[in-house]
Amino acid sequence: MRVLRIVGVICPDDYEWYYRDWLGMSCTCPHNVQDAINEAAGDFLTVEINSPGGEISSGADIYTALRKYDEANPGKLKIQITGQACSAASVIAMAGYCEMAPVALMLVHNVSQEARGNHNVMEKVAEDLRIADDALSDAYVRKSGMSKKEVLDMMEREAWITAVQAKDLKLIDAIMFEGQDTASPMAASLYDLPSHEQMEAAKEALAARKATEAAGEPPSPEAEGKTARAKARLKLLTLTKGAKR
């Protein structure tokens, strides 16, 4: 199985050096995807997406390459949105069977472009952007079954979409880990990171234990007393902190 990560800015092949070598940033180019497809050679290919998007023609090129791979090798392509799939990256996510992490986000919006000039130039740019919106909307329409108007309205709103919403809209096929969750401590709401005092007490207890172990001798009453005092202090701090909530 081959894993392809689509991360960072989506850019043309001849911009890769600028992002990777000059800026030291992650990026994904069409040739990166085509290389992975060639290496997969008909085997199972997992595509993991965590990208803010980028240049639309590069995104369209990648989308097309993955669609072709999926059609040539049915059931051998899985797309997973692991962090974010924004803009052009959300178009790429429409190329085949797609899952989305429950904490991931998708961003769908109209195409944008910087421009300068007189009103003729601006009107032409606006016309070109509407044409690009119409073309890219086809990816969402084909995946979800929504109407063209529904998709264009969604793009117009610049919609952030959660995994649950994306599944309801049929923009994805499944939510990752769905049905696999088991009961576990709710760390985000029931626990806090240890305070400075707790950390210092824990360090004191750990240092006392390591000193005893390093000596290779049974712990002395003094060392045991120091460890016990440190643990008691840590427990007291924990109880005190809990009582303040």
Foldseek 3Di string as FASTA:
>chain_A
DFEAEAEEEEDEPVCVCCQCVVVVHDHDFLVSLVVSLVVCVLAAYEYEYDYQYYDQVRLVSLLVVLLVSCVVRPPRYEYEHEAEQEDSSLLSQLSDAYAYAQHHKYWAAFDDDDDDDDPVRVVVVVVVSVVVRQVSLVSQCVQQVDDSVVSNVSRHVRDIAGRVRCVVSRSHVYYPCVPVDDDDDPCVPPHDDDDPLLVVLVVQLVVLVVVCVVVVDPDDPVSVVSNVVSVVSNVVVVVVVVVVD
